Amino acid sequence: MKKLFNNYKILCLILCILLIVCSTFIVTIGSVSLKGTDVWKIIVNKSLGREIFQKEWKNSIEIIVWNLRVPRIIMGMTAGGSLALVGILMQCLTKNPLASPYILGISAGASTGAVMAILFLGGTMLSVPVGAFVFGTFTAFLVFYFARAGGFSSTRLVLIGVAVSSLFSGITTLMIMMAPNEKELRGAIFWMSGSLGGSNWKYIPFALISLGVSFFLVYPKYRELNILVTGDENAVALGVDVKKIRLLIVLVSTFLTGVIVSNTGIIGFVGLVIPHVTRGLVGGNHKKVIPCAILMGGVFLIMTDALTRSLFTSQEIPIGVITSIFGAPFFLNMLRKKAYRFGGE
């Protein structure tokens, strides 16, 4: 595989700069235009809990920046990075370049919980993410139970995930068809399409910590991941504890997917496309792929969200719709190039 960046640290630095620049620009755009300098002054004052910079803006501006736009951007970065990381792990686990964060059916279970909360509990700010996380976790336990019952294998795990996903998708569809009114129906469909509109400071710390812990659990195992992609038999021959690394991948992926889906709904294509784009830039070594993909996922999602809000100013369009529309052609064009090969160096 041809690499565009021989030194992955340069790409990481570029992506970090992009995150800062894009975040500053994105906070300023919207129905209310803001100055970049005012945005940073508000962020510094709020972060430190005291007035470092003299207040030269209205209270409404401060509320827009700190309570609406900044949480949305941070959640976008976190969700994009998390989905990219889980996508990498799922592709390693299944040795399948088409694997995504939702392959184990956790998102389908989370959707059932969220839709149930929207339709029957009023869709409050607390009930939707809690319902999604509880049902996502229950789905994970269900998948693991059936996977272990007949001897654990990656293929069996994926097949059970597909079956469980179909079950919960059917239940979700049934509930939507029985929605008592149009408002709740639109709310359920909107959530299932993925959105950052409900981002709130209350949930951001847990999402950030979840991504951080997952990264520090997985990143030291990059050598094992490199070997695992080549096949289980080869991995065992080279001294990799395949069962242990599989268990780590499944647990981290399940937990992180549950956390993100419970906050943003189902955002498609990020976990599928970003790992492949990253491999095309830095090669297949997971020491390079993991940090670059997390940063790239964050940049991609906040830029997509900004594009969505700029193009559709009159109404909120689910970001999952846009990631799929723009992600699919880009991904197909990349795969068309003969130079790309999954699992390359």
C-alpha atoms as a PDB file:
ATOM      1  CA  MET A   1       0.000   0.000   0.000  1.00  0.00           C
ATOM      2  CA  LYS A   2       1.433   3.364  -0.993  1.00  0.00           C
ATOM      3  CA  LYS A   3       1.801   5.727   1.947  1.00  0.00           C
ATOM      4  CA  LEU A   4       1.428   9.491   1.627  1.00  0.00           C
ATOM      5  CA  PHE A   5       2.930  10.152   5.085  1.00  0.00           C
ATOM      6  CA  ASN A   6       6.091   8.252   6.048  1.00  0.00           C
ATOM      7  CA  ASN A   7       6.070   9.965   9.443  1.00  0.00           C
ATOM      8  CA  TYR A   8       2.639   9.543  11.021  1.00  0.00           C
ATOM      9  CA  LYS A   9       3.459  12.151  13.671  1.00  0.00           C
ATOM     10  CA  ILE A  10       3.373  14.840  10.975  1.00  0.00           C
ATOM     11  CA  LEU A  11      -0.148  13.757  10.018  1.00  0.00           C
ATOM     12  CA  CYS A  12      -1.178  13.771  13.702  1.00  0.00           C
ATOM     13  CA  LEU A  13       0.167  17.318  14.059  1.00  0.00           C
ATOM     14  CA  ILE A  14      -1.681  18.459  10.924  1.00  0.00           C
ATOM     15  CA  LEU A  15      -4.910  16.893  12.193  1.00  0.00           C
ATOM     16  CA  CYS A  16      -4.517  18.527  15.627  1.00  0.00           C
ATOM     17  CA  ILE A  17      -4.067  21.932  13.982  1.00  0.00           C
ATOM     18  CA  LEU A  18      -7.093  21.214  11.778  1.00  0.00           C
ATOM     19  CA  LEU A  19      -9.166  20.355  14.845  1.00  0.00           C
ATOM     20  CA  ILE A  20      -8.324  23.672  16.513  1.00  0.00           C
ATOM     21  CA  VAL A  21      -8.804  25.793  13.378  1.00  0.00           C
ATOM     22  CA  CYS A  22     -12.000  24.031  12.285  1.00  0.00           C
ATOM     23  CA  SER A  23     -13.472  24.132  15.787  1.00  0.00           C
ATOM     24  CA  THR A  24     -12.886  27.877  16.066  1.00  0.00           C
ATOM     25  CA  PHE A  25     -14.427  28.505  12.661  1.00  0.00           C
ATOM     26  CA  ILE A  26     -17.395  26.180  13.246  1.00  0.00           C
ATOM     27  CA  VAL A  27     -18.336  27.852  16.547  1.00  0.00           C
ATOM     28  CA  THR A  28     -18.580  31.196  14.757  1.00  0.00           C
ATOM     29  CA  ILE A  29     -20.983  30.050  12.016  1.00  0.00           C
ATOM     30  CA  GLY A  30     -24.711  29.524  12.362  1.00  0.00           C
ATOM     31  CA  SER A  31     -27.887  31.562  12.583  1.00  0.00           C
ATOM     32  CA  VAL A  32     -25.979  33.926  14.892  1.00  0.00           C
ATOM     33  CA  SER A  33     -22.536  34.938  13.558  1.00  0.00           C
ATOM     34  CA  LEU A  34     -19.771  35.364  16.129  1.00  0.00           C
ATOM     35  CA  LYS A  35     -16.191  36.631  16.271  1.00  0.00           C
ATOM     36  CA  GLY A  36     -13.451  34.024  16.732  1.00  0.00           C
ATOM     37  CA  THR A  37     -11.720  36.162  19.372  1.00  0.00           C
ATOM     38  CA  ASP A  38     -14.920  36.443  21.412  1.00  0.00           C
ATOM     39  CA  VAL A  39     -15.417  32.684  21.188  1.00  0.00           C
ATOM     40  CA  TRP A  40     -11.999  31.939  22.660  1.00  0.00           C
ATOM     41  CA  LYS A  41     -12.421  34.568  25.369  1.00  0.00           C
ATOM     42  CA  ILE A  42     -15.722  32.986  26.412  1.00  0.00           C
ATOM     43  CA  ILE A  43     -14.180  29.499  26.392  1.00  0.00           C
ATOM     44  CA  VAL A  44     -11.206  30.617  28.525  1.00  0.00           C
ATOM     45  CA  ASN A  45     -13.442  32.446  31.018  1.00  0.00           C
ATOM     46  CA  LYS A  46     -15.838  29.511  31.340  1.00  0.00           C
ATOM     47  CA  SER A  47     -13.086  26.882  31.512  1.00  0.00           C
ATOM     48  CA  LEU A  48     -11.228  28.674  34.304  1.00  0.00           C
ATOM     49  CA  GLY A  49     -14.410  29.678  36.104  1.00  0.00           C
ATOM     50  CA  ARG A  50     -13.503  33.359  36.348  1.00  0.00           C
ATOM     51  CA  GLU A  51     -13.444  36.456  34.168  1.00  0.00           C
ATOM     52  CA  ILE A  52      -9.931  36.532  32.703  1.00  0.00           C
ATOM     53  CA  PHE A  53     -11.126  38.595  29.746  1.00  0.00           C
ATOM     54  CA  GLN A  54     -13.464  41.539  30.214  1.00  0.00           C
ATOM     55  CA  LYS A  55     -16.995  40.721  29.075  1.00  0.00           C
ATOM     56  CA  GLU A  56     -17.752  42.593  25.844  1.00  0.00           C
ATOM     57  CA  TRP A  57     -20.619  40.438  24.609  1.00  0.00           C
ATOM     58  CA  LYS A  58     -24.247  39.768  25.491  1.00  0.00           C
ATOM     59  CA  ASN A  59     -25.304  36.964  27.823  1.00  0.00           C
ATOM     60  CA  SER A  60     -27.178  35.364  24.923  1.00  0.00           C
ATOM     61  CA  ILE A  61     -23.911  35.066  22.967  1.00  0.00           C
ATOM     62  CA  GLU A  62     -22.248  33.346  25.917  1.00  0.00           C
ATOM     63  CA  ILE A  63     -25.132  30.879  26.181  1.00  0.00           C
ATOM     64  CA  ILE A  64     -24.974  30.094  22.452  1.00  0.00           C
ATOM     65  CA  VAL A  65     -21.217  29.479  22.554  1.00  0.00           C
ATOM     66  CA  TRP A  66     -20.853  27.593  25.835  1.00  0.00           C
ATOM     67  CA  ASN A  67     -24.152  25.742  26.142  1.00  0.00           C
ATOM     68  CA  LEU A  68     -24.913  24.944  22.500  1.00  0.00           C
ATOM     69  CA  ARG A  69     -22.002  25.104  20.068  1.00  0.00           C
ATOM     70  CA  VAL A  70     -18.985  24.030  22.139  1.00  0.00           C
ATOM     71  CA  PRO A  71     -20.671  20.869  23.534  1.00  0.00           C
ATOM     72  CA  ARG A  72     -21.772  19.960  20.017  1.00  0.00           C
ATOM     73  CA  ILE A  73     -18.223  20.248  18.677  1.00  0.00           C
ATOM     74  CA  ILE A  74     -16.668  18.299  21.558  1.00  0.00           C
ATOM     75  CA  MET A  75     -19.253  15.537  21.207  1.00  0.00           C
ATOM     76  CA  GLY A  76     -18.622  15.502  17.450  1.00  0.00           C
ATOM     77  CA  MET A  77     -14.879  15.066  17.976  1.00  0.00           C
ATOM     78  CA  THR A  78     -15.443  12.355  20.570  1.00  0.00           C
ATOM     79  CA  ALA A  79     -18.028  10.477  18.517  1.00  0.00           C
ATOM     80  CA  GLY A  80     -15.954  10.650  15.332  1.00  0.00           C
ATOM     81  CA  GLY A  81     -12.814   9.432  17.091  1.00  0.00           C
ATOM     82  CA  SER A  82     -14.666   6.680  18.934  1.00  0.00           C
ATOM     83  CA  LEU A  83     -16.399   5.355  15.821  1.00  0.00           C
ATOM     84  CA  ALA A  84     -13.095   5.347  13.926  1.00  0.00           C
ATOM     85  CA  LEU A  85     -11.391   3.407  16.731  1.00  0.00           C
ATOM     86  CA  VAL A  86     -14.179   0.833  16.965  1.00  0.00           C
ATOM     87  CA  GLY A  87     -14.167   0.487  13.175  1.00  0.00           C
ATOM     88  CA  ILE A  88     -10.462  -0.395  13.283  1.00  0.00           C
ATOM     89  CA  LEU A  89     -11.016  -2.941  16.047  1.00  0.00           C
ATOM     90  CA  MET A  90     -13.956  -4.604  14.291  1.00  0.00           C
ATOM     91  CA  GLN A  91     -11.999  -4.888  11.043  1.00  0.00           C
ATOM     92  CA  CYS A  92      -9.127  -6.516  12.940  1.00  0.00           C
ATOM     93  CA  LEU A  93     -11.446  -8.889  14.786  1.00  0.00           C
ATOM     94  CA  THR A  94     -13.330 -10.086  11.703  1.00  0.00           C
ATOM     95  CA  LYS A  95     -10.489  -9.678   9.181  1.00  0.00           C
ATOM     96  CA  ASN A  96     -13.187  -8.043   7.108  1.00  0.00           C
ATOM     97  CA  PRO A  97     -12.591  -4.603   5.536  1.00  0.00           C
ATOM     98  CA  LEU A  98     -16.365  -4.030   5.451  1.00  0.00           C
ATOM     99  CA  ALA A  99     -16.795  -4.400   9.222  1.00  0.00           C
ATOM    100  CA  SER A 100     -18.136  -1.363  11.080  1.00  0.00           C
ATOM    101  CA  PRO A 101     -18.848  -0.385  14.718  1.00  0.00           C
ATOM    102  CA  TYR A 102     -22.437  -1.593  14.343  1.00  0.00           C
ATOM    103  CA  ILE A 103     -21.690  -5.134  13.176  1.00  0.00           C
ATOM    104  CA  LEU A 104     -22.409  -6.762  16.566  1.00  0.00           C
ATOM    105  CA  GLY A 105     -25.953  -5.417  16.725  1.00  0.00           C
ATOM    106  CA  ILE A 106     -25.323  -3.098  19.672  1.00  0.00           C
ATOM    107  CA  SER A 107     -26.604  -0.086  17.745  1.00  0.00           C
ATOM    108  CA  ALA A 108     -29.849  -1.904  16.932  1.00  0.00           C
ATOM    109  CA  GLY A 109     -30.421  -2.649  20.614  1.00  0.00           C
ATOM    110  CA  ALA A 110     -29.562   0.922  21.563  1.00  0.00           C
ATOM    111  CA  SER A 111     -32.024   2.182  18.949  1.00  0.00           C
ATOM    112  CA  THR A 112     -34.781   0.065  20.471  1.00  0.00           C
ATOM    113  CA  GLY A 113     -34.104   1.570  23.909  1.00  0.00           C
ATOM    114  CA  ALA A 114     -33.978   5.123  22.581  1.00  0.00           C
ATOM    115  CA  VAL A 115     -37.131   4.781  20.483  1.00  0.00           C
ATOM    116  CA  MET A 116     -38.940   3.247  23.452  1.00  0.00           C
ATOM    117  CA  ALA A 117     -37.906   6.244  25.578  1.00  0.00           C
ATOM    118  CA  ILE A 118     -39.033   8.704  22.885  1.00  0.00           C
ATOM    119  CA  LEU A 119     -42.399   7.052  22.284  1.00  0.00           C
ATOM    120  CA  PHE A 120     -43.369   6.016  25.808  1.00  0.00           C
ATOM    121  CA  LEU A 121     -41.331   8.168  28.218  1.00  0.00           C
ATOM    122  CA  GLY A 122     -41.655  11.527  26.508  1.00  0.00           C
ATOM    123  CA  GLY A 123     -38.137  11.524  25.034  1.00  0.00           C
ATOM    124  CA  THR A 124     -36.585  13.574  27.844  1.00  0.00           C
ATOM    125  CA  MET A 125     -32.927  14.567  27.812  1.00  0.00           C
ATOM    126  CA  LEU A 126     -32.148  11.848  30.361  1.00  0.00           C
ATOM    127  CA  SER A 127     -34.439   9.015  29.257  1.00  0.00           C
ATOM    128  CA  VAL A 128     -33.184   8.723  25.651  1.00  0.00           C
ATOM    129  CA  PRO A 129     -29.427   8.210  26.291  1.00  0.00           C
ATOM    130  CA  VAL A 130     -30.096   6.064  29.362  1.00  0.00           C
ATOM    131  CA  GLY A 131     -32.572   3.903  27.446  1.00  0.00           C
ATOM    132  CA  ALA A 132     -30.146   3.550  24.537  1.00  0.00           C
ATOM    133  CA  PHE A 133     -27.193   2.648  26.764  1.00  0.00           C
ATOM    134  CA  VAL A 134     -29.154   0.115  28.846  1.00  0.00           C
ATOM    135  CA  PHE A 135     -30.552  -1.671  25.794  1.00  0.00           C
ATOM    136  CA  GLY A 136     -27.183  -1.505  24.010  1.00  0.00           C
ATOM    137  CA  THR A 137     -25.490  -3.139  26.995  1.00  0.00           C
ATOM    138  CA  PHE A 138     -28.243  -5.773  27.209  1.00  0.00           C
ATOM    139  CA  THR A 139     -27.759  -6.535  23.499  1.00  0.00           C
ATOM    140  CA  ALA A 140     -24.022  -6.982  24.048  1.00  0.00           C
ATOM    141  CA  PHE A 141     -24.585  -9.479  26.859  1.00  0.00           C
ATOM    142  CA  LEU A 142     -27.090 -11.314  24.653  1.00  0.00           C
ATOM    143  CA  VAL A 143     -24.580 -11.569  21.786  1.00  0.00           C
ATOM    144  CA  PHE A 144     -21.790 -12.757  24.107  1.00  0.00           C
ATOM    145  CA  TYR A 145     -24.047 -15.332  25.747  1.00  0.00           C
ATOM    146  CA  PHE A 146     -24.954 -17.008  22.459  1.00  0.00           C
ATOM    147  CA  ALA A 147     -21.419 -16.620  21.070  1.00  0.00           C
ATOM    148  CA  ARG A 148     -19.829 -18.441  24.014  1.00  0.00           C
ATOM    149  CA  ALA A 149     -22.508 -21.150  24.142  1.00  0.00           C
ATOM    150  CA  GLY A 150     -21.257 -22.882  20.990  1.00  0.00           C
ATOM    151  CA  GLY A 151     -17.562 -22.050  21.053  1.00  0.00           C
ATOM    152  CA  PHE A 152     -16.347 -18.507  20.486  1.00  0.00           C
ATOM    153  CA  SER A 153     -15.178 -17.492  17.002  1.00  0.00           C
ATOM    154  CA  SER A 154     -15.152 -14.233  15.054  1.00  0.00           C
ATOM    155  CA  THR A 155     -17.480 -15.604  12.371  1.00  0.00           C
ATOM    156  CA  ARG A 156     -19.954 -16.928  14.928  1.00  0.00           C
ATOM    157  CA  LEU A 157     -19.876 -13.614  16.801  1.00  0.00           C
ATOM    158  CA  VAL A 158     -20.696 -11.635  13.651  1.00  0.00           C
ATOM    159  CA  LEU A 159     -23.504 -14.002  12.602  1.00  0.00           C
ATOM    160  CA  ILE A 160     -25.088 -13.803  16.055  1.00  0.00           C
ATOM    161  CA  GLY A 161     -24.700 -10.025  15.924  1.00  0.00           C
ATOM    162  CA  VAL A 162     -26.569  -9.947  12.609  1.00  0.00           C
ATOM    163  CA  ALA A 163     -29.371 -12.128  14.024  1.00  0.00           C
ATOM    164  CA  VAL A 164     -29.739 -10.047  17.196  1.00  0.00           C
ATOM    165  CA  SER A 165     -29.593  -6.856  15.137  1.00  0.00           C
ATOM    166  CA  SER A 166     -32.457  -8.115  12.968  1.00  0.00           C
ATOM    167  CA  LEU A 167     -34.495  -8.939  16.071  1.00  0.00           C
ATOM    168  CA  PHE A 168     -34.132  -5.487  17.616  1.00  0.00           C
ATOM    169  CA  SER A 169     -34.563  -3.734  14.259  1.00  0.00           C
ATOM    170  CA  GLY A 170     -37.891  -5.523  13.877  1.00  0.00           C
ATOM    171  CA  ILE A 171     -38.982  -4.488  17.372  1.00  0.00           C
ATOM    172  CA  THR A 172     -37.947  -0.889  16.689  1.00  0.00           C
ATOM    173  CA  THR A 173     -39.830  -0.794  13.384  1.00  0.00           C
ATOM    174  CA  LEU A 174     -42.930  -2.203  15.078  1.00  0.00           C
ATOM    175  CA  MET A 175     -42.806   0.493  17.772  1.00  0.00           C
ATOM    176  CA  ILE A 176     -42.375   3.227  15.159  1.00  0.00           C
ATOM    177  CA  MET A 177     -45.367   1.927  13.211  1.00  0.00           C
ATOM    178  CA  MET A 178     -47.396   2.112  16.436  1.00  0.00           C
ATOM    179  CA  ALA A 179     -46.227   5.638  17.334  1.00  0.00           C
ATOM    180  CA  PRO A 180     -49.105   7.551  18.981  1.00  0.00           C
ATOM    181  CA  ASN A 181     -48.483  10.816  17.107  1.00  0.00           C
ATOM    182  CA  GLU A 182     -46.415  12.346  14.319  1.00  0.00           C
ATOM    183  CA  LYS A 183     -44.170  14.405  16.612  1.00  0.00           C
ATOM    184  CA  GLU A 184     -42.882  11.340  18.456  1.00  0.00           C
ATOM    185  CA  LEU A 185     -42.559   9.452  15.166  1.00  0.00           C
ATOM    186  CA  ARG A 186     -40.348  12.187  13.693  1.00  0.00           C
ATOM    187  CA  GLY A 187     -38.306  12.299  16.895  1.00  0.00           C
ATOM    188  CA  ALA A 188     -37.641   8.555  16.769  1.00  0.00           C
ATOM    189  CA  ILE A 189     -36.666   8.568  13.089  1.00  0.00           C
ATOM    190  CA  PHE A 190     -34.466  11.651  13.600  1.00  0.00           C
ATOM    191  CA  TRP A 191     -32.590  10.002  16.475  1.00  0.00           C
ATOM    192  CA  MET A 192     -32.042   6.793  14.503  1.00  0.00           C
ATOM    193  CA  SER A 193     -30.460   8.822  11.680  1.00  0.00           C
ATOM    194  CA  GLY A 194     -27.810  10.248  14.023  1.00  0.00           C
ATOM    195  CA  SER A 195     -27.458  13.803  15.283  1.00  0.00           C
ATOM    196  CA  LEU A 196     -25.234  15.995  17.451  1.00  0.00           C
ATOM    197  CA  GLY A 197     -28.147  18.301  18.228  1.00  0.00           C
ATOM    198  CA  GLY A 198     -28.706  16.838  21.677  1.00  0.00           C
ATOM    199  CA  SER A 199     -25.093  17.295  22.832  1.00  0.00           C
ATOM    200  CA  ASN A 200     -24.967  18.379  26.454  1.00  0.00           C
ATOM    201  CA  TRP A 201     -22.202  19.063  28.987  1.00  0.00           C
ATOM    202  CA  LYS A 202     -23.838  16.503  31.268  1.00  0.00           C
ATOM    203  CA  TYR A 203     -22.804  13.587  29.026  1.00  0.00           C
ATOM    204  CA  ILE A 204     -19.533  14.834  27.511  1.00  0.00           C
ATOM    205  CA  PRO A 205     -17.139  13.930  30.389  1.00  0.00           C
ATOM    206  CA  PHE A 206     -18.234  10.281  30.362  1.00  0.00           C
ATOM    207  CA  ALA A 207     -17.919  10.073  26.563  1.00  0.00           C
ATOM    208  CA  LEU A 208     -14.436  11.654  26.625  1.00  0.00           C
ATOM    209  CA  ILE A 209     -13.231   9.422  29.463  1.00  0.00           C
ATOM    210  CA  SER A 210     -14.612   6.364  27.658  1.00  0.00           C
ATOM    211  CA  LEU A 211     -12.620   7.206  24.527  1.00  0.00           C
ATOM    212  CA  GLY A 212      -9.469   7.937  26.544  1.00  0.00           C
ATOM    213  CA  VAL A 213      -9.638   4.704  28.532  1.00  0.00           C
ATOM    214  CA  SER A 214     -10.382   2.685  25.382  1.00  0.00           C
ATOM    215  CA  PHE A 215      -7.386   4.221  23.605  1.00  0.00           C
ATOM    216  CA  PHE A 216      -4.980   3.440  26.450  1.00  0.00           C
ATOM    217  CA  LEU A 217      -6.280  -0.129  26.672  1.00  0.00           C
ATOM    218  CA  VAL A 218      -5.979  -0.825  22.954  1.00  0.00           C
ATOM    219  CA  TYR A 219      -2.991   1.208  21.747  1.00  0.00           C
ATOM    220  CA  PRO A 220      -0.311  -0.790  23.624  1.00  0.00           C
ATOM    221  CA  LYS A 221      -1.623  -3.868  21.769  1.00  0.00           C
ATOM    222  CA  TYR A 222      -0.883  -2.490  18.295  1.00  0.00           C
ATOM    223  CA  ARG A 223       1.635  -5.267  17.552  1.00  0.00           C
ATOM    224  CA  GLU A 224      -0.950  -7.933  18.361  1.00  0.00           C
ATOM    225  CA  LEU A 225      -3.489  -6.151  16.142  1.00  0.00           C
ATOM    226  CA  ASN A 226      -0.989  -6.063  13.263  1.00  0.00           C
ATOM    227  CA  ILE A 227      -0.501  -9.819  13.558  1.00  0.00           C
ATOM    228  CA  LEU A 228      -4.185 -10.617  14.144  1.00  0.00           C
ATOM    229  CA  VAL A 229      -5.122  -9.141  10.752  1.00  0.00           C
ATOM    230  CA  THR A 230      -2.952 -11.784   9.046  1.00  0.00           C
ATOM    231  CA  GLY A 231      -5.029 -14.642  10.508  1.00  0.00           C
ATOM    232  CA  ASP A 232      -5.611 -16.474  13.790  1.00  0.00           C
ATOM    233  CA  GLU A 233      -3.301 -19.398  12.986  1.00  0.00           C
ATOM    234  CA  ASN A 234      -0.425 -17.091  12.145  1.00  0.00           C
ATOM    235  CA  ALA A 235      -1.108 -15.040  15.284  1.00  0.00           C
ATOM    236  CA  VAL A 236      -1.016 -18.146  17.514  1.00  0.00           C
ATOM    237  CA  ALA A 237       2.216 -19.298  15.847  1.00  0.00           C
ATOM    238  CA  LEU A 238       3.779 -15.909  16.611  1.00  0.00           C
ATOM    239  CA  GLY A 239       2.808 -16.100  20.284  1.00  0.00           C
ATOM    240  CA  VAL A 240      -0.286 -13.877  20.346  1.00  0.00           C
ATOM    241  CA  ASP A 241      -2.947 -14.814  22.895  1.00  0.00           C
ATOM    242  CA  VAL A 242      -5.788 -14.675  20.366  1.00  0.00           C
ATOM    243  CA  LYS A 243      -8.585 -15.310  22.884  1.00  0.00           C
ATOM    244  CA  LYS A 244      -7.358 -12.534  25.161  1.00  0.00           C
ATOM    245  CA  ILE A 245      -6.971  -9.948  22.396  1.00  0.00           C
ATOM    246  CA  ARG A 246     -10.379 -10.892  20.944  1.00  0.00           C
ATOM    247  CA  LEU A 247     -12.005 -10.416  24.337  1.00  0.00           C
ATOM    248  CA  LEU A 248     -10.339  -7.008  24.744  1.00  0.00           C
ATOM    249  CA  ILE A 249     -11.504  -5.911  21.286  1.00  0.00           C
ATOM    250  CA  VAL A 250     -15.082  -7.041  21.885  1.00  0.00           C
ATOM    251  CA  LEU A 251     -15.360  -5.457  25.343  1.00  0.00           C
ATOM    252  CA  VAL A 252     -13.857  -2.120  24.292  1.00  0.00           C
ATOM    253  CA  SER A 253     -15.889  -1.988  21.072  1.00  0.00           C
ATOM    254  CA  THR A 254     -19.131  -2.869  22.820  1.00  0.00           C
ATOM    255  CA  PHE A 255     -18.687  -0.318  25.584  1.00  0.00           C
ATOM    256  CA  LEU A 256     -17.545   2.517  23.326  1.00  0.00           C
ATOM    257  CA  THR A 257     -20.269   1.891  20.737  1.00  0.00           C
ATOM    258  CA  GLY A 258     -22.910   1.879  23.467  1.00  0.00           C
ATOM    259  CA  VAL A 259     -21.665   5.171  24.905  1.00  0.00           C
ATOM    260  CA  ILE A 260     -21.560   6.974  21.547  1.00  0.00           C
ATOM    261  CA  VAL A 261     -24.820   5.619  20.134  1.00  0.00           C
ATOM    262  CA  SER A 262     -26.622   6.543  23.348  1.00  0.00           C
ATOM    263  CA  ASN A 263     -25.532  10.170  22.871  1.00  0.00           C
ATOM    264  CA  THR A 264     -25.652  10.693  19.109  1.00  0.00           C
ATOM    265  CA  GLY A 265     -27.824   7.973  17.623  1.00  0.00           C
ATOM    266  CA  ILE A 266     -26.546   5.936  14.682  1.00  0.00           C
ATOM    267  CA  ILE A 267     -24.042   7.876  12.565  1.00  0.00           C
ATOM    268  CA  GLY A 268     -23.115   5.751   9.583  1.00  0.00           C
ATOM    269  CA  PHE A 269     -19.974   5.365   7.502  1.00  0.00           C
ATOM    270  CA  VAL A 270     -17.512   7.069   9.894  1.00  0.00           C
ATOM    271  CA  GLY A 271     -16.329   3.791  11.420  1.00  0.00           C
ATOM    272  CA  LEU A 272     -16.113   2.178   7.993  1.00  0.00           C
ATOM    273  CA  VAL A 273     -14.497   4.886   5.883  1.00  0.00           C
ATOM    274  CA  ILE A 274     -12.053   6.611   8.257  1.00  0.00           C
ATOM    275  CA  PRO A 275      -9.935   3.494   9.069  1.00  0.00           C
ATOM    276  CA  HIS A 276      -9.443   2.825   5.341  1.00  0.00           C
ATOM    277  CA  VAL A 277      -8.607   6.447   4.542  1.00  0.00           C
ATOM    278  CA  THR A 278      -6.077   6.447   7.383  1.00  0.00           C
ATOM    279  CA  ARG A 279      -4.444   3.244   6.150  1.00  0.00           C
ATOM    280  CA  GLY A 280      -4.158   4.845   2.736  1.00  0.00           C
ATOM    281  CA  LEU A 281      -2.217   7.730   4.301  1.00  0.00           C
ATOM    282  CA  VAL A 282       0.075   6.023   6.829  1.00  0.00           C
ATOM    283  CA  GLY A 283      -0.007   2.300   5.965  1.00  0.00           C
ATOM    284  CA  GLY A 284      -1.376  -0.667   7.882  1.00  0.00           C
ATOM    285  CA  ASN A 285       0.705  -0.449  11.074  1.00  0.00           C
ATOM    286  CA  HIS A 286      -1.784   0.097  13.904  1.00  0.00           C
ATOM    287  CA  LYS A 287       0.787   2.068  15.871  1.00  0.00           C
ATOM    288  CA  LYS A 288       0.213   4.770  13.248  1.00  0.00           C
ATOM    289  CA  VAL A 289      -3.359   3.986  12.222  1.00  0.00           C
ATOM    290  CA  ILE A 290      -5.036   4.239  15.647  1.00  0.00           C
ATOM    291  CA  PRO A 291      -4.023   7.797  16.712  1.00  0.00           C
ATOM    292  CA  CYS A 292      -4.379   9.199  13.187  1.00  0.00           C
ATOM    293  CA  ALA A 293      -7.810   7.611  12.676  1.00  0.00           C
ATOM    294  CA  ILE A 294      -9.131   8.959  15.993  1.00  0.00           C
ATOM    295  CA  LEU A 295      -8.068  12.497  15.074  1.00  0.00           C
ATOM    296  CA  MET A 296      -9.301  12.148  11.496  1.00  0.00           C
ATOM    297  CA  GLY A 297     -12.663  10.824  12.684  1.00  0.00           C
ATOM    298  CA  GLY A 298     -13.063  13.870  14.917  1.00  0.00           C
ATOM    299  CA  VAL A 299     -12.166  16.307  12.119  1.00  0.00           C
ATOM    300  CA  PHE A 300     -14.438  14.540   9.630  1.00  0.00           C
ATOM    301  CA  LEU A 301     -17.492  14.533  11.873  1.00  0.00           C
ATOM    302  CA  ILE A 302     -17.322  18.162  13.044  1.00  0.00           C
ATOM    303  CA  MET A 303     -16.734  19.363   9.475  1.00  0.00           C
ATOM    304  CA  THR A 304     -19.655  17.272   8.222  1.00  0.00           C
ATOM    305  CA  ASP A 305     -21.838  18.678  10.988  1.00  0.00           C
ATOM    306  CA  ALA A 306     -20.804  22.225  10.069  1.00  0.00           C
ATOM    307  CA  LEU A 307     -21.592  21.545   6.408  1.00  0.00           C
ATOM    308  CA  THR A 308     -24.987  20.146   7.372  1.00  0.00           C
ATOM    309  CA  ARG A 309     -25.869  23.212   9.456  1.00  0.00           C
ATOM    310  CA  SER A 310     -24.668  25.572   6.700  1.00  0.00           C
ATOM    311  CA  LEU A 311     -26.584  23.901   3.864  1.00  0.00           C
ATOM    312  CA  PHE A 312     -29.799  23.362   5.781  1.00  0.00           C
ATOM    313  CA  THR A 313     -30.340  26.471   7.883  1.00  0.00           C
ATOM    314  CA  SER A 314     -34.125  26.214   8.063  1.00  0.00           C
ATOM    315  CA  GLN A 315     -34.211  22.822   9.790  1.00  0.00           C
ATOM    316  CA  GLU A 316     -31.988  20.298  11.558  1.00  0.00           C
ATOM    317  CA  ILE A 317     -30.895  17.490   9.220  1.00  0.00           C
ATOM    318  CA  PRO A 318     -29.517  14.289  10.842  1.00  0.00           C
ATOM    319  CA  ILE A 319     -25.756  14.175  10.392  1.00  0.00           C
ATOM    320  CA  GLY A 320     -25.908  10.420   9.751  1.00  0.00           C
ATOM    321  CA  VAL A 321     -27.744  11.122   6.492  1.00  0.00           C
ATOM    322  CA  ILE A 322     -24.980  13.444   5.282  1.00  0.00           C
ATOM    323  CA  THR A 323     -22.079  11.165   6.317  1.00  0.00           C
ATOM    324  CA  SER A 324     -23.637   8.377   4.265  1.00  0.00           C
ATOM    325  CA  ILE A 325     -24.353  10.563   1.218  1.00  0.00           C
ATOM    326  CA  PHE A 326     -20.835  12.025   1.078  1.00  0.00           C
ATOM    327  CA  GLY A 327     -18.991   9.049   2.527  1.00  0.00           C
ATOM    328  CA  ALA A 328     -20.199   6.390   0.103  1.00  0.00           C
ATOM    329  CA  PRO A 329     -18.936   7.975  -3.179  1.00  0.00           C
ATOM    330  CA  PHE A 330     -15.620   8.908  -1.558  1.00  0.00           C
ATOM    331  CA  PHE A 331     -15.177   5.360  -0.276  1.00  0.00           C
ATOM    332  CA  LEU A 332     -16.074   3.808  -3.655  1.00  0.00           C
ATOM    333  CA  ASN A 333     -13.573   6.053  -5.425  1.00  0.00           C
ATOM    334  CA  MET A 334     -10.851   5.056  -2.977  1.00  0.00           C
ATOM    335  CA  LEU A 335     -11.545   1.329  -3.412  1.00  0.00           C
ATOM    336  CA  ARG A 336     -11.484   1.774  -7.201  1.00  0.00           C
ATOM    337  CA  LYS A 337      -7.777   2.496  -6.975  1.00  0.00           C
ATOM    338  CA  LYS A 338      -5.800  -0.718  -7.357  1.00  0.00           C
ATOM    339  CA  ALA A 339      -3.147   0.514  -4.918  1.00  0.00           C
ATOM    340  CA  TYR A 340      -5.466   0.065  -1.937  1.00  0.00           C
ATOM    341  CA  ARG A 341      -5.408  -3.268  -0.106  1.00  0.00           C
ATOM    342  CA  PHE A 342      -6.772  -4.087   3.347  1.00  0.00           C
ATOM    343  CA  GLY A 343      -4.164  -5.267   5.876  1.00  0.00           C
ATOM    344  CA  GLY A 344      -1.165  -3.898   4.006  1.00  0.00           C
ATOM    345  CA  GLU A 345       1.977  -2.537   5.607  1.00  0.00           C
END
